[in-house]
Protein backbone atom coordinates (compact mmCIF):
# COMPACT_ATOMS: atom_id res chain seq x y z
CA MET A 1 0.19 -0.12 -0.03
CA LEU A 2 0.79 3.67 -0.45
CA LEU A 3 -0.11 6.07 1.99
CA ILE A 4 -0.10 9.78 0.84
CA PHE A 5 -0.08 13.11 2.86
CA PRO A 6 -1.13 15.46 0.08
CA PRO A 7 -0.56 19.21 -0.49
CA LEU A 8 -0.94 21.89 0.85
CA ALA A 9 -0.42 22.36 4.56
CA LYS A 10 2.51 23.47 6.80
CA ALA A 11 5.48 21.44 6.06
CA CYS A 12 7.25 22.18 9.22
CA GLU A 13 6.90 18.33 10.70
CA PRO A 14 6.15 15.09 9.54
CA PRO A 15 2.47 13.92 9.18
CA ALA A 16 1.62 11.87 12.01
CA GLY A 17 -1.34 10.27 10.97
CA ILE A 18 -0.02 8.32 7.92
CA ALA A 19 3.40 7.44 10.17
CA ARG A 20 1.11 5.80 12.67
CA LEU A 21 -1.03 3.92 9.98
CA GLY A 22 2.23 2.86 8.34
CA ALA A 23 3.65 1.41 11.52
CA SER A 24 0.32 -0.36 12.21
CA LEU A 25 0.17 -1.94 8.65
CA LYS A 26 3.77 -3.26 9.01
CA ALA A 27 3.40 -4.46 12.30
CA HIS A 28 0.82 -7.15 10.68
CA GLY A 29 2.97 -7.75 7.75
CA VAL A 30 1.43 -5.63 5.34
CA SER A 31 4.14 -3.92 2.95
CA CYS A 32 3.44 0.08 3.03
CA ARG A 33 5.31 2.89 1.53
CA ILE A 34 4.59 6.48 2.86
CA LEU A 35 4.71 9.62 0.66
CA ASP A 36 4.81 13.26 2.34
CA ALA A 37 3.70 14.79 -1.06
CA ASN A 38 3.11 18.11 0.67
CA LEU A 39 6.57 18.70 1.54
CA GLU A 40 7.88 17.19 -1.55
CA GLY A 41 5.48 19.21 -3.65
CA GLN A 42 6.24 22.71 -1.95
CA LEU A 43 10.10 22.04 -2.25
CA TRP A 44 9.43 21.10 -5.94
CA LEU A 45 7.71 24.39 -6.53
CA LEU A 46 10.32 26.37 -5.04
CA LYS A 47 12.68 25.12 -7.61
CA GLN A 48 11.00 25.84 -10.69
CA PRO A 49 11.99 29.13 -12.60
CA LEU A 50 9.81 32.26 -12.42
CA GLY A 51 9.08 34.38 -15.26
CA THR A 52 8.34 37.74 -13.41
CA THR A 53 11.26 40.39 -13.23
CA ASP A 54 10.16 42.71 -10.44
CA THR A 55 12.68 43.31 -7.66
CA TRP A 56 11.23 41.60 -4.73
CA SER A 57 10.40 38.26 -6.77
CA ARG A 58 14.23 38.15 -8.20
CA ARG A 59 15.38 38.71 -4.71
CA ALA A 60 13.02 35.96 -3.29
CA PHE A 61 14.15 33.44 -5.92
CA LYS A 62 17.54 34.09 -5.81
CA GLY A 63 17.51 33.69 -1.83
CA ARG A 64 15.24 30.72 -1.61
CA ILE A 65 17.70 27.94 -1.04
CA GLN A 66 19.41 30.09 1.47
CA ASN A 67 16.10 31.03 3.30
CA LEU A 68 15.31 27.38 3.47
CA ALA A 69 18.50 26.70 5.17
CA ALA A 70 17.79 29.20 7.49
CA LEU A 71 14.25 28.03 8.57
CA ARG A 72 16.41 24.54 9.42
CA ASP A 73 18.70 26.61 11.52
CA ILE A 74 17.75 27.52 15.01
CA LYS A 75 19.56 30.80 14.70
CA ILE A 76 17.20 32.75 12.96
CA TYR A 77 14.42 32.33 15.37
CA GLN A 78 16.38 34.20 17.55
CA ASN A 79 16.13 37.01 14.87
CA PRO A 80 12.14 37.56 14.41
CA ASP A 81 12.75 40.20 11.60
CA ARG A 82 14.96 37.90 9.68
CA TYR A 83 12.69 35.10 10.19
CA LYS A 84 9.54 36.91 8.74
CA ARG A 85 11.56 38.17 5.86
CA ALA A 86 12.82 34.38 5.02
CA VAL A 87 8.85 33.23 5.41
CA SER A 88 7.75 36.10 3.30
CA ASP A 89 9.94 35.73 0.44
CA LEU A 90 9.65 31.76 0.25
CA ASN A 91 5.81 32.60 0.63
CA ARG A 92 6.30 34.74 -2.71
CA VAL A 93 8.32 32.33 -4.69
CA LEU A 94 5.13 29.63 -4.15
CA ALA A 95 2.61 32.20 -4.77
CA LEU A 96 4.56 33.23 -8.15
CA SER A 97 4.86 29.48 -9.06
CA ALA A 98 0.88 29.34 -9.89
CA ALA A 99 0.43 32.92 -10.97
CA GLY A 100 -1.77 33.42 -13.88
CA ILE A 101 -3.74 30.13 -13.53
CA GLY A 102 -6.31 31.25 -10.84
CA VAL A 103 -4.48 29.56 -7.99
CA THR A 104 -3.13 31.19 -4.81
CA ILE A 105 -0.25 28.95 -3.01
CA GLY A 106 1.35 29.68 0.04
CA LEU A 107 3.51 27.94 2.89
CA ALA A 108 0.02 27.45 4.68
CA ASP A 109 -2.67 27.43 2.10
CA TYR A 110 -3.93 26.57 -1.53
CA GLN A 111 -6.90 28.36 -3.01
CA HIS A 112 -8.50 28.37 -6.49
CA SER A 113 -10.32 31.29 -7.82
CA ALA A 114 -13.10 28.98 -9.48
CA LEU A 115 -12.87 25.84 -7.75
CA SER A 116 -14.04 25.44 -3.89
CA PRO A 117 -12.79 22.73 -1.41
CA LEU A 118 -16.62 22.90 -0.01
CA ARG A 119 -18.53 21.86 -3.30
CA SER A 120 -18.21 18.08 -4.31
CA THR A 121 -18.64 19.00 -7.95
CA ASP A 122 -15.51 21.46 -7.80
CA LEU A 123 -13.48 18.48 -6.03
CA LEU A 124 -14.89 15.99 -8.90
CA ALA A 125 -13.71 18.51 -11.50
CA ALA A 126 -10.20 18.80 -10.09
CA ALA A 127 -10.17 15.09 -10.33
CA GLU A 128 -11.37 14.97 -14.09
CA GLU A 129 -8.66 17.69 -15.07
CA PRO A 130 -5.92 16.88 -12.76
CA GLU A 131 -3.21 18.38 -15.35
CA GLN A 132 -4.68 21.74 -14.58
CA ASN A 133 -3.54 21.46 -11.12
CA PRO A 134 0.03 23.33 -10.82
CA LEU A 135 1.60 20.51 -8.91
CA TYR A 136 0.50 17.95 -11.80
CA PRO A 137 4.10 18.11 -13.38
CA TYR A 138 5.34 16.86 -9.72
CA PHE A 139 3.04 14.10 -8.94
CA SER A 140 2.54 12.83 -12.19
CA GLN A 141 6.23 12.07 -12.26
CA ARG A 142 6.77 11.03 -8.82
CA LEU A 143 3.86 8.48 -8.31
CA PRO A 144 5.01 6.05 -10.82
CA GLU A 145 8.05 5.56 -8.86
CA LEU A 146 6.02 4.65 -5.87
CA LEU A 147 3.20 2.50 -7.39
CA ALA A 148 4.79 -0.45 -8.66
CA ASP A 149 3.51 -3.76 -7.00
CA VAL A 150 0.99 -1.28 -5.16
CA GLY A 151 -2.68 -2.41 -5.16
CA THR A 152 -4.14 0.34 -2.78
CA VAL A 153 -3.51 3.86 -2.34
CA GLY A 154 -4.72 5.81 0.67
CA PHE A 155 -4.77 9.58 1.14
CA SER A 156 -4.79 11.39 4.53
CA LEU A 157 -7.06 14.32 3.88
CA ASN A 158 -7.04 16.80 6.93
CA TYR A 159 -7.51 20.29 5.74
CA LEU A 160 -9.39 22.19 2.97
CA SER A 161 -6.49 23.51 1.91
CA GLN A 162 -5.43 19.81 0.65
CA ALA A 163 -8.71 19.23 -0.65
CA LEU A 164 -8.22 20.37 -4.35
CA CYS A 165 -4.95 18.60 -4.62
CA THR A 166 -6.01 15.32 -3.07
CA PHE A 167 -8.54 15.28 -5.82
CA ALA A 168 -6.23 16.10 -8.45
CA MET A 169 -3.98 13.30 -7.45
CA ILE A 170 -6.79 10.91 -6.97
CA GLY A 171 -8.13 11.69 -10.63
CA HIS A 172 -4.49 11.14 -11.96
CA ILE A 173 -4.30 7.85 -10.43
CA ARG A 174 -7.76 6.68 -11.53
CA LYS A 175 -7.00 7.58 -15.00
CA ARG A 176 -3.50 6.10 -15.33
CA TYR A 177 -3.95 3.20 -12.95
CA PRO A 178 -7.68 2.37 -13.03
CA SER A 179 -7.33 -1.07 -11.22
CA LEU A 180 -5.72 0.50 -8.00
CA LYS A 181 -8.13 0.80 -5.23
CA ILE A 182 -8.24 4.21 -3.76
CA VAL A 183 -9.02 4.87 -0.02
CA LEU A 184 -9.62 8.33 1.44
CA GLY A 185 -9.76 9.31 4.99
CA GLY A 186 -8.32 11.78 7.33
CA GLY A 187 -9.69 14.51 9.64
CA LEU A 188 -11.78 16.36 7.03
CA VAL A 189 -13.16 13.16 5.55
CA THR A 190 -14.43 12.17 9.09
CA SER A 191 -16.15 15.75 9.33
CA TRP A 192 -17.86 15.08 6.03
CA MET A 193 -19.17 12.01 6.88
CA HIS A 194 -20.54 13.16 10.25
CA ARG A 195 -22.61 15.77 8.22
CA PRO A 196 -26.22 15.45 8.73
CA GLY A 197 -28.19 13.50 5.80
CA TRP A 198 -24.46 12.53 4.34
CA ILE A 199 -24.62 11.04 1.04
CA ASN A 200 -21.03 9.99 -0.55
CA PRO A 201 -20.66 12.05 -3.88
CA PHE A 202 -17.23 10.35 -4.84
CA GLY A 203 -18.31 6.75 -5.32
CA ASP A 204 -17.43 6.54 -8.83
CA LEU A 205 -13.83 7.82 -8.19
CA VAL A 206 -12.92 6.76 -4.36
CA ASN A 207 -13.38 2.82 -3.34
CA HIS A 208 -13.41 3.38 0.11
CA LEU A 209 -14.29 6.52 2.54
CA ILE A 210 -12.87 6.23 6.13
CA SER A 211 -14.17 8.06 9.15
CA GLY A 212 -12.17 8.42 12.18
CA PRO A 213 -8.87 6.54 13.06
CA GLY A 214 -7.81 4.29 10.14
CA GLU A 215 -5.88 1.31 11.67
CA THR A 216 -8.74 -1.04 12.12
CA PRO A 217 -10.73 -0.33 8.75
CA LEU A 218 -7.36 -0.12 6.80
CA LEU A 219 -6.15 -3.53 7.86
CA ALA A 220 -9.47 -5.10 7.75
CA LEU A 221 -9.60 -4.05 4.04
CA LEU A 222 -5.90 -5.30 3.42
CA THR A 223 -5.92 -8.51 5.66
CA ASN A 224 -9.48 -10.15 5.41
CA GLY A 225 -10.62 -8.72 8.48
CA ARG A 226 -7.61 -8.80 10.81
CA LYS A 227 -7.80 -6.41 13.88
CA PRO A 228 -4.62 -4.05 14.76
CA ASN A 229 -2.66 -3.95 17.85
CA LYS A 230 -4.35 -1.60 20.21
CA TYR A 231 -1.35 0.74 20.50
CA VAL A 232 1.38 1.06 17.85
CA ILE A 233 4.13 3.45 17.93
CA PRO A 234 4.71 5.69 14.95
CA ASP A 235 6.98 5.15 12.30
CA TYR A 236 8.80 8.05 10.91
CA THR A 237 12.05 6.40 9.78
CA SER A 238 10.81 6.60 6.00
CA LEU A 239 10.07 10.22 5.84
CA PRO A 240 12.70 12.82 4.99
CA LEU A 241 13.21 14.18 8.52
CA ALA A 242 15.89 16.59 7.67
CA GLU A 243 14.00 18.36 5.18
CA TYR A 244 11.01 19.91 7.10
CA LEU A 245 10.77 23.55 7.41
CA SER A 246 12.14 23.54 11.01
CA PRO A 247 15.50 23.53 12.99
CA GLY A 248 15.92 19.77 13.36
CA LEU A 249 12.81 17.68 13.87
CA ILE A 250 9.75 18.37 15.41
CA LEU A 251 8.33 15.35 16.49
CA PRO A 252 4.32 14.92 16.36
CA TYR A 253 2.87 12.48 18.81
CA SER A 254 -0.96 12.00 19.67
CA ALA A 255 -1.59 10.74 23.55
CA GLY A 256 -5.37 10.01 22.35
CA ASN A 257 -8.10 10.70 20.17
CA GLY A 258 -11.00 13.02 21.28
CA CYS A 259 -10.84 15.32 24.01
CA TYR A 260 -11.21 14.37 27.82
CA TRP A 261 -13.29 17.39 28.90
CA ASN A 262 -15.74 17.21 25.95
CA ARG A 263 -18.61 19.65 27.19
CA CYS A 264 -17.82 22.74 25.56
CA SER A 265 -20.68 24.09 23.61
CA PHE A 266 -20.22 24.50 19.80
CA CYS A 267 -17.45 22.06 19.88
CA PRO A 268 -16.88 20.14 16.68
CA GLU A 269 -15.59 16.99 18.36
CA ARG A 270 -18.74 16.96 20.55
CA ALA A 271 -20.82 17.73 17.72
CA GLU A 272 -19.45 14.71 15.81
CA GLY A 273 -19.71 12.39 18.76
CA ASN A 274 -15.99 11.62 19.01
CA ALA A 275 -15.37 9.71 22.35
CA TYR A 276 -12.22 10.26 24.15
CA HIS A 277 -9.63 7.29 23.68
CA PRO A 278 -6.22 7.98 25.46
CA VAL A 279 -3.11 6.00 25.23
CA PRO A 280 -2.21 4.79 28.55
CA THR A 281 0.08 7.08 30.10
CA ALA A 282 2.94 4.62 30.66
CA ARG A 283 2.67 3.74 27.02
CA VAL A 284 3.04 7.28 25.94
CA LEU A 285 6.09 7.91 27.94
CA SER A 286 7.55 4.61 26.66
CA ASP A 287 6.69 5.70 22.96
CA LEU A 288 8.29 9.16 23.38
CA GLN A 289 11.36 7.73 25.06
CA LEU A 290 11.89 5.30 22.13
CA LEU A 291 10.98 8.22 19.77
CA VAL A 292 13.48 10.58 21.06
CA GLU A 293 16.22 8.03 21.10
CA GLN A 294 15.68 6.97 17.49
CA THR A 295 15.03 10.50 15.80
CA ARG A 296 16.72 12.98 18.23
CA PRO A 297 14.02 15.79 17.77
CA THR A 298 14.50 19.37 18.54
CA MET A 299 10.91 19.61 19.99
CA ILE A 300 7.97 17.19 20.56
CA HIS A 301 4.61 18.63 19.44
CA LEU A 302 2.03 16.84 21.73
CA LEU A 303 -1.11 16.77 19.32
CA ASP A 304 -3.84 16.10 21.68
CA ASN A 305 -7.11 18.62 21.95
CA ALA A 306 -5.93 18.88 25.42
CA ILE A 307 -3.16 17.15 27.30
CA SER A 308 -4.71 15.16 29.94
CA PRO A 309 -3.84 16.04 33.71
CA ALA A 310 -2.35 12.47 34.36
CA LEU A 311 -0.16 12.94 31.30
CA LEU A 312 1.18 16.43 32.25
CA HIS A 313 1.88 14.94 35.79
CA ALA A 314 3.60 12.08 34.16
CA LEU A 315 5.78 14.44 32.12
CA ALA A 316 6.67 16.52 34.98
CA GLU A 317 7.87 13.50 36.97
CA ASN A 318 9.76 11.81 33.92
CA PRO A 319 11.59 14.52 31.80
CA LEU A 320 12.30 13.31 28.27
CA GLY A 321 15.14 15.57 27.93
CA THR A 322 13.50 17.29 24.87
CA PRO A 323 11.64 20.58 24.66
CA TRP A 324 7.84 19.88 24.13
CA TYR A 325 4.80 21.86 23.62
CA GLY A 326 1.04 21.33 23.28
CA PHE A 327 -2.65 22.27 24.31
CA ALA A 328 -3.63 22.13 27.84
CA ARG A 329 -6.82 23.20 29.75
CA ILE A 330 -6.97 26.22 32.01
CA ASP A 331 -7.60 24.25 35.53
CA GLU A 332 -6.65 23.75 38.97
CA HIS A 333 -3.09 21.71 38.00
CA LEU A 334 -1.80 24.79 36.54
CA ALA A 335 -2.86 26.93 39.31
CA ASP A 336 -0.16 25.24 41.13
CA LEU A 337 3.11 27.19 40.57
CA GLU A 338 5.26 24.20 42.10
CA PHE A 339 3.77 22.11 39.41
CA CYS A 340 4.37 24.77 36.64
CA HIS A 341 7.98 24.94 37.81
CA ALA A 342 8.10 21.16 37.18
CA LEU A 343 6.60 21.28 33.86
CA LYS A 344 9.15 23.80 32.92
CA SER A 345 12.01 21.61 34.28
CA SER A 346 10.58 18.61 32.20
CA GLY A 347 11.16 20.56 28.87
CA CYS A 348 8.00 22.35 28.69
CA ALA A 349 8.45 25.29 26.43
CA MET A 350 5.01 26.50 25.72
CA LEU A 351 1.37 25.60 26.41
CA LYS A 352 -1.52 26.55 24.02
CA LEU A 353 -4.53 27.40 26.27
CA GLY A 354 -8.02 27.86 24.94
CA LEU A 355 -9.24 30.59 27.04
CA GLU A 356 -11.87 31.75 24.43
CA SER A 357 -13.17 34.94 26.45
CA GLY A 358 -12.37 37.25 29.22
CA ASP A 359 -15.78 37.51 30.49
CA GLN A 360 -17.07 34.84 32.83
CA GLY A 361 -20.54 34.74 31.81
CA VAL A 362 -19.46 33.76 28.24
CA LEU A 363 -17.62 31.17 29.64
CA ASP A 364 -20.15 29.69 31.83
CA ARG A 365 -22.64 29.99 28.96
CA MET A 366 -20.11 27.83 26.72
CA PHE A 367 -19.66 25.13 29.57
CA LYS A 368 -15.83 25.71 29.22
CA GLY A 369 -15.20 24.78 32.92
CA ILE A 370 -12.66 27.88 33.27
CA ASN A 371 -12.79 30.25 36.12
CA LEU A 372 -11.27 33.66 35.33
CA SER A 373 -9.67 33.81 38.87
CA THR A 374 -8.02 30.43 38.04
CA ALA A 375 -7.08 31.71 34.54
CA SER A 376 -5.34 34.74 35.95
CA LEU A 377 -3.55 32.57 38.62
CA VAL A 378 -2.48 30.14 35.64
CA LEU A 379 -1.22 32.72 33.23
CA ASN A 380 1.00 34.24 36.16
CA ASN A 381 2.23 30.79 37.15
CA LEU A 382 3.38 29.96 33.68
CA ARG A 383 4.96 33.35 33.20
CA GLU A 384 6.91 32.86 36.48
CA ALA A 385 8.03 29.41 35.52
CA GLY A 386 9.25 30.58 32.05
CA ILE A 387 6.61 28.78 30.15
CA ALA A 388 5.45 30.61 27.09
CA VAL A 389 1.63 30.72 26.30
CA TYR A 390 -0.38 30.81 23.12
CA CYS A 391 -3.71 31.88 23.96
CA TYR A 392 -6.71 31.22 21.69
CA LEU A 393 -9.81 33.58 21.94
CA LEU A 394 -13.20 33.23 20.37
CA PHE A 395 -15.25 36.25 19.58
CA GLY A 396 -18.81 36.47 18.12
CA THR A 397 -20.51 33.37 20.01
CA PRO A 398 -24.30 33.68 20.84
CA GLY A 399 -23.62 34.52 24.54
CA GLU A 400 -21.23 37.61 23.59
CA THR A 401 -21.80 41.08 22.82
CA VAL A 402 -19.40 44.01 22.32
CA VAL A 403 -19.47 44.56 26.16
CA GLU A 404 -18.28 40.96 26.90
CA ALA A 405 -15.74 41.30 24.14
CA ARG A 406 -14.27 44.84 25.75
CA ARG A 407 -14.09 42.62 28.93
CA THR A 408 -11.87 40.11 26.88
CA LEU A 409 -9.94 43.03 25.95
CA GLU A 410 -9.40 44.19 29.51
CA PHE A 411 -8.38 40.72 30.70
CA VAL A 412 -5.77 40.20 28.04
CA ALA A 413 -4.32 43.71 28.42
CA SER A 414 -4.25 43.28 32.36
CA HIS A 415 -2.44 39.92 31.68
CA HIS A 416 -0.17 40.88 28.52
CA LYS A 417 3.18 40.15 30.20
CA ALA A 418 1.98 36.44 30.62
CA ILE A 419 0.75 35.90 27.02
CA ASN A 420 3.04 35.43 24.31
CA PHE A 421 1.07 34.88 21.31
CA LEU A 422 -2.63 35.22 20.52
CA ASN A 423 -4.85 33.47 18.00
CA LEU A 424 -8.05 35.82 17.44
CA ALA A 425 -10.97 33.57 15.84
CA LEU A 426 -14.53 34.70 14.81
CA PHE A 427 -17.09 32.14 15.97
CA ASN A 428 -18.26 29.36 13.15
CA MET A 429 -21.61 27.54 14.32
CA PRO A 430 -21.20 23.86 13.23
CA LEU A 431 -23.69 22.71 11.32
CA TYR A 432 -24.22 19.61 12.95
CA GLY A 433 -24.19 20.62 16.54
CA ASP A 434 -27.01 20.67 18.97
CA GLU A 435 -27.07 24.37 19.04
CA ALA A 436 -27.49 24.93 15.40
CA ALA A 437 -31.28 24.62 15.36
CA GLU A 438 -31.79 26.98 18.38
CA TYR A 439 -30.11 29.98 16.64
CA GLY A 440 -31.47 29.19 13.13
CA ASN A 441 -29.63 27.71 9.97
CA GLU A 442 -28.79 29.82 7.10
CA LEU A 443 -26.36 29.56 4.19
CA PHE A 444 -23.01 30.57 5.56
CA TYR A 445 -20.45 28.81 2.91
CA GLU A 446 -21.84 27.91 -0.29
CA GLY A 447 -21.23 24.03 -0.91
CA ASP A 448 -22.58 20.79 0.03
CA LEU A 449 -19.42 20.00 2.05
CA SER A 450 -19.61 23.01 4.38
CA LEU A 451 -19.17 22.03 7.99
CA TYR A 452 -20.67 25.47 9.53
CA THR A 453 -24.04 27.30 9.20
CA ALA A 454 -24.68 30.99 9.61
CA PHE A 455 -26.72 31.66 12.65
CA ARG A 456 -28.86 34.69 14.02
CA HIS A 457 -27.10 36.35 16.85
CA PRO A 458 -29.59 37.09 19.57
CA ASP A 459 -28.08 40.48 19.97
CA GLY A 460 -27.07 41.23 16.60
CA TRP A 461 -23.20 41.02 17.26
CA ASN A 462 -22.84 39.86 13.70
CA ARG A 463 -19.46 38.96 12.06
CA LYS A 464 -19.13 42.41 10.55
CA GLU A 465 -19.39 44.32 13.83
CA VAL A 466 -17.02 41.53 15.36
CA ARG A 467 -14.40 42.18 12.72
CA ARG A 468 -14.79 45.90 13.31
CA PHE A 469 -14.23 45.75 16.82
CA LEU A 470 -11.32 43.44 16.56
CA GLU A 471 -9.36 45.87 14.03
CA SER A 472 -10.42 49.11 15.43
CA GLU A 473 -10.30 48.27 19.31
CA PHE A 474 -8.91 44.95 20.15
CA LYS A 475 -5.85 44.78 17.98
CA ARG A 476 -4.91 48.78 18.39
CA HIS A 477 -4.63 48.31 22.07
CA PRO A 478 -0.76 48.93 22.59
CA ALA A 479 -0.28 45.84 24.84
CA ILE A 480 -2.32 43.58 23.02
CA ALA A 481 -0.71 44.99 19.28
CA ALA A 482 2.81 44.00 20.78
CA ILE A 483 1.35 40.42 21.33
CA VAL A 484 -0.20 40.31 17.81
CA ARG A 485 2.94 41.04 16.29
CA ASN A 486 4.93 38.22 17.85
CA ASP A 487 2.87 35.52 15.96
CA PRO A 488 5.05 33.75 13.31
CA PRO A 489 3.69 34.45 9.86
CA GLN A 490 2.50 31.45 7.99
CA PHE A 491 3.48 28.64 10.48
CA SER A 492 1.82 30.50 13.65
CA SER A 493 1.74 27.92 16.84
CA ASN A 494 3.73 25.55 14.75
CA HIS A 495 6.72 27.72 15.03
CA ALA A 496 5.97 29.71 17.82
CA ALA A 497 7.67 27.75 20.64
CA LEU A 498 11.00 27.79 18.74
CA PHE A 499 11.13 31.41 19.65
CA CYS A 500 10.83 30.85 23.49
CA GLY A 501 14.46 30.18 24.15
CA ILE A 502 15.12 26.67 22.49
CA ARG A 503 18.84 26.07 21.64
């Protein structure tokens, strides 16, 4: 089997999903190859000659090899301005690689002026004419090298930015190798299949769609029903670990599926009915210790929706000797200063925290389980311990108006010394959530694959007003503006921890 991670997504760390799937298949005697077409495709685009003659483009193209090398060197992360210029120049070269054909490519996105990943007809159109895809010269030459003696090809489709390229690759395979079985899974496919009234529009193109973790259905498909081992350590050895756009390997690892809290209103995980399935803590530690010995990473990225308290304590008590970061909930565990110091000593460089709001009423209505006095203590503790904070805020929920949004502004401003990075998001109503019917379903994104619906805000705090508030008030506060400027362009939280004193 050939497992493919398709373009286009951030290429700063190897794809954990296909590394885990590949390991599971190999553990049961199934021959498996892995292709990170996302990384390879971007590097291929950066090598293509440009036809433009403007000064910036010439400079960006001339310096692309130097800039790639710089992103793979920790020194540039000690110079934010130099980093931003390198990222900007690489992004420029990628954008120009598809200039004039209605496609916008960047280090973190892929958009088509006429085709939308939210419409199944457009995805089918991308499959019908794969040669129109700017990456066609790459994958049409690369795939034959890997498809010899392969009977099944699997695609891991996780982001909207991957969808059009995924279907272009599928269309090419279907035309060139009609006898191959094609399997399509990943996070985005899982969300599609949980839409109300889902009907598969890709039956003539794709042999099997997989929802959720793919180990069991893939193994059943390839081995006549054999069940996988419950836990398998991901295998990254066949991926080009030295070529990712980071200073050394950022090692991704998932310690569980779903979220252990799983109570927040409007949460896609809860709406999709994804149960929490943690890997036993002792197994996580042994996996990570082995992976660290095998790969010698610069940093570990824990992929969990929220690292469980049990795992946080285990990491604090059993340092891995490697910096790490990930998402954590704001709770009483982090309100313990001594525990925060222990986390720092264990290698914790940064925690991503989903605060969402600085208004207690908004938090309560969302069932976040966060107390603002605890949040204040947590932020101050992490600052004192030397752990950076990447804080996530959500504006425009049904329980928020501009009054509550200004309380969030005040909370963030008063804690600005403890917040290193900010993610500012506008609320989207999940199409299939329990709350959608309460606030009214209206067209939001046009397309039969849209995962969100428009809604009638009970107080008229609509997206236009939310955006105006963010641009004219929130981001203009001097203390907050300084935090916003810290965010690494394109790579955001995936590179943020590298600016936090990693050597």
